[in-house]
Amino acid sequence: MHDRTATGIGYRLQLTRRVWGAQQQAFAERAAVNASAYNQYERGKRIISVQHAHRLCDAYDLTLDWIYRGDPAGLRHQTWEIIKGLDAHT
């Protein structure tokens, strides 16, 4: 989980979105992030900007440590438990 590359960040974004059961466009729009840009972040084509990462944090109760470093310490316990379950099945 501590992969700090664009691919690792994208994978964590995908897991997080799956926790919410949302499609990419709806997930991005709720955080006021351009859906096309979000798609590139999630696919590991670009590293998410700090501005967009902050918006995701505010909309979904995430942390920059989770997005960029894969550190789940600041996530809600329930969110982390679901992510661990999803990651085990991927």
C-alpha atoms as a PDB file:
ATOM      1  CA  MET A   1       0.000   0.000   0.000  1.00  0.00           C
ATOM      2  CA  HIS A   2       2.944   2.357   0.405  1.00  0.00           C
ATOM      3  CA  ASP A   3       3.622   2.657  -3.318  1.00  0.00           C
ATOM      4  CA  ARG A   4       4.115   6.390  -3.926  1.00  0.00           C
ATOM      5  CA  THR A   5       4.106   6.204  -7.718  1.00  0.00           C
ATOM      6  CA  ALA A   6       1.264   7.470  -9.886  1.00  0.00           C
ATOM      7  CA  THR A   7       0.144   3.847 -10.237  1.00  0.00           C
ATOM      8  CA  GLY A   8       0.079   3.312  -6.467  1.00  0.00           C
ATOM      9  CA  ILE A   9      -1.811   6.533  -5.874  1.00  0.00           C
ATOM     10  CA  GLY A  10      -4.281   5.608  -8.609  1.00  0.00           C
ATOM     11  CA  TYR A  11      -4.840   2.200  -7.056  1.00  0.00           C
ATOM     12  CA  ARG A  12      -5.619   3.778  -3.673  1.00  0.00           C
ATOM     13  CA  LEU A  13      -8.019   6.216  -5.320  1.00  0.00           C
ATOM     14  CA  GLN A  14      -9.768   3.319  -7.022  1.00  0.00           C
ATOM     15  CA  LEU A  15     -10.075   1.373  -3.753  1.00  0.00           C
ATOM     16  CA  THR A  16     -11.426   4.456  -2.004  1.00  0.00           C
ATOM     17  CA  ARG A  17     -13.995   5.071  -4.730  1.00  0.00           C
ATOM     18  CA  ARG A  18     -15.115   1.452  -4.498  1.00  0.00           C
ATOM     19  CA  VAL A  19     -15.751   1.926  -0.763  1.00  0.00           C
ATOM     20  CA  TRP A  20     -18.329   4.526  -1.741  1.00  0.00           C
ATOM     21  CA  GLY A  21     -19.771   2.336  -4.507  1.00  0.00           C
ATOM     22  CA  ALA A  22     -19.521   5.197  -6.970  1.00  0.00           C
ATOM     23  CA  GLN A  23     -18.667   5.471 -10.624  1.00  0.00           C
ATOM     24  CA  GLN A  24     -15.649   7.640 -11.443  1.00  0.00           C
ATOM     25  CA  GLN A  25     -17.669  10.581 -12.737  1.00  0.00           C
ATOM     26  CA  ALA A  26     -19.968  10.793  -9.717  1.00  0.00           C
ATOM     27  CA  PHE A  27     -17.064  10.321  -7.308  1.00  0.00           C
ATOM     28  CA  ALA A  28     -15.085  13.114  -8.964  1.00  0.00           C
ATOM     29  CA  GLU A  29     -18.027  15.484  -9.308  1.00  0.00           C
ATOM     30  CA  ARG A  30     -18.929  15.241  -5.614  1.00  0.00           C
ATOM     31  CA  ALA A  31     -15.418  16.512  -4.846  1.00  0.00           C
ATOM     32  CA  ALA A  32     -15.524  19.177  -7.592  1.00  0.00           C
ATOM     33  CA  VAL A  33     -12.760  17.416  -9.535  1.00  0.00           C
ATOM     34  CA  ASN A  34     -12.876  17.216 -13.317  1.00  0.00           C
ATOM     35  CA  ALA A  35     -13.956  13.668 -14.204  1.00  0.00           C
ATOM     36  CA  SER A  36     -11.477  13.390 -17.075  1.00  0.00           C
ATOM     37  CA  ALA A  37      -8.581  14.426 -14.852  1.00  0.00           C
ATOM     38  CA  TYR A  38      -9.769  12.052 -12.121  1.00  0.00           C
ATOM     39  CA  ASN A  39      -9.804   9.191 -14.615  1.00  0.00           C
ATOM     40  CA  GLN A  40      -6.151   9.894 -15.415  1.00  0.00           C
ATOM     41  CA  TYR A  41      -5.286   9.975 -11.709  1.00  0.00           C
ATOM     42  CA  GLU A  42      -6.994   6.681 -11.035  1.00  0.00           C
ATOM     43  CA  ARG A  43      -5.362   4.990 -14.040  1.00  0.00           C
ATOM     44  CA  GLY A  44      -1.940   6.194 -12.887  1.00  0.00           C
ATOM     45  CA  LYS A  45      -1.405   8.387 -15.938  1.00  0.00           C
ATOM     46  CA  ARG A  46      -0.947  11.531 -13.819  1.00  0.00           C
ATOM     47  CA  ILE A  47      -0.285  12.187 -10.155  1.00  0.00           C
ATOM     48  CA  ILE A  48      -3.223  13.917  -8.526  1.00  0.00           C
ATOM     49  CA  SER A  49      -2.684  17.601  -7.782  1.00  0.00           C
ATOM     50  CA  VAL A  50      -2.616  18.672  -4.151  1.00  0.00           C
ATOM     51  CA  GLN A  51      -5.645  20.887  -4.802  1.00  0.00           C
ATOM     52  CA  HIS A  52      -7.685  17.966  -6.120  1.00  0.00           C
ATOM     53  CA  ALA A  53      -6.414  15.675  -3.362  1.00  0.00           C
ATOM     54  CA  HIS A  54      -7.606  18.208  -0.767  1.00  0.00           C
ATOM     55  CA  ARG A  55     -11.028  18.266  -2.410  1.00  0.00           C
ATOM     56  CA  LEU A  56     -11.248  14.466  -2.217  1.00  0.00           C
ATOM     57  CA  CYS A  57     -10.164  14.599   1.429  1.00  0.00           C
ATOM     58  CA  ASP A  58     -12.901  17.103   2.236  1.00  0.00           C
ATOM     59  CA  ALA A  59     -15.610  15.255   0.310  1.00  0.00           C
ATOM     60  CA  TYR A  60     -14.778  11.735   1.521  1.00  0.00           C
ATOM     61  CA  ASP A  61     -13.046  12.198   4.887  1.00  0.00           C
ATOM     62  CA  LEU A  62      -9.660  11.059   3.548  1.00  0.00           C
ATOM     63  CA  THR A  63      -6.127  12.199   4.318  1.00  0.00           C
ATOM     64  CA  LEU A  64      -3.262  13.301   2.124  1.00  0.00           C
ATOM     65  CA  ASP A  65      -1.155  10.635   3.844  1.00  0.00           C
ATOM     66  CA  TRP A  66      -3.551   7.995   2.544  1.00  0.00           C
ATOM     67  CA  ILE A  67      -3.694   9.350  -0.997  1.00  0.00           C
ATOM     68  CA  TYR A  68       0.013  10.051  -1.481  1.00  0.00           C
ATOM     69  CA  ARG A  69       1.736   7.654   0.913  1.00  0.00           C
ATOM     70  CA  GLY A  70      -0.753   4.867   1.508  1.00  0.00           C
ATOM     71  CA  ASP A  71      -0.766   5.503   5.263  1.00  0.00           C
ATOM     72  CA  PRO A  72      -4.221   4.582   6.587  1.00  0.00           C
ATOM     73  CA  ALA A  73      -3.657   5.955  10.117  1.00  0.00           C
ATOM     74  CA  GLY A  74      -5.981   8.954   9.637  1.00  0.00           C
ATOM     75  CA  LEU A  75      -8.788   7.099   7.862  1.00  0.00           C
ATOM     76  CA  ARG A  76     -12.005   6.207   9.607  1.00  0.00           C
ATOM     77  CA  HIS A  77     -11.728   2.651  10.927  1.00  0.00           C
ATOM     78  CA  GLN A  78     -14.727   1.463   8.910  1.00  0.00           C
ATOM     79  CA  THR A  79     -13.281   2.887   5.681  1.00  0.00           C
ATOM     80  CA  TRP A  80      -9.955   1.153   6.278  1.00  0.00           C
ATOM     81  CA  GLU A  81     -11.630  -2.187   7.041  1.00  0.00           C
ATOM     82  CA  ILE A  82     -13.562  -2.055   3.764  1.00  0.00           C
ATOM     83  CA  ILE A  83     -10.426  -1.079   1.823  1.00  0.00           C
ATOM     84  CA  LYS A  84      -8.493  -4.002   3.341  1.00  0.00           C
ATOM     85  CA  GLY A  85     -11.279  -6.352   2.259  1.00  0.00           C
ATOM     86  CA  LEU A  86     -11.323  -4.956  -1.258  1.00  0.00           C
ATOM     87  CA  ASP A  87      -7.542  -5.098  -1.533  1.00  0.00           C
ATOM     88  CA  ALA A  88      -7.532  -8.751  -0.473  1.00  0.00           C
ATOM     89  CA  HIS A  89      -9.922  -9.608  -3.310  1.00  0.00           C
ATOM     90  CA  THR A  90      -8.092  -7.663  -6.002  1.00  0.00           C
END
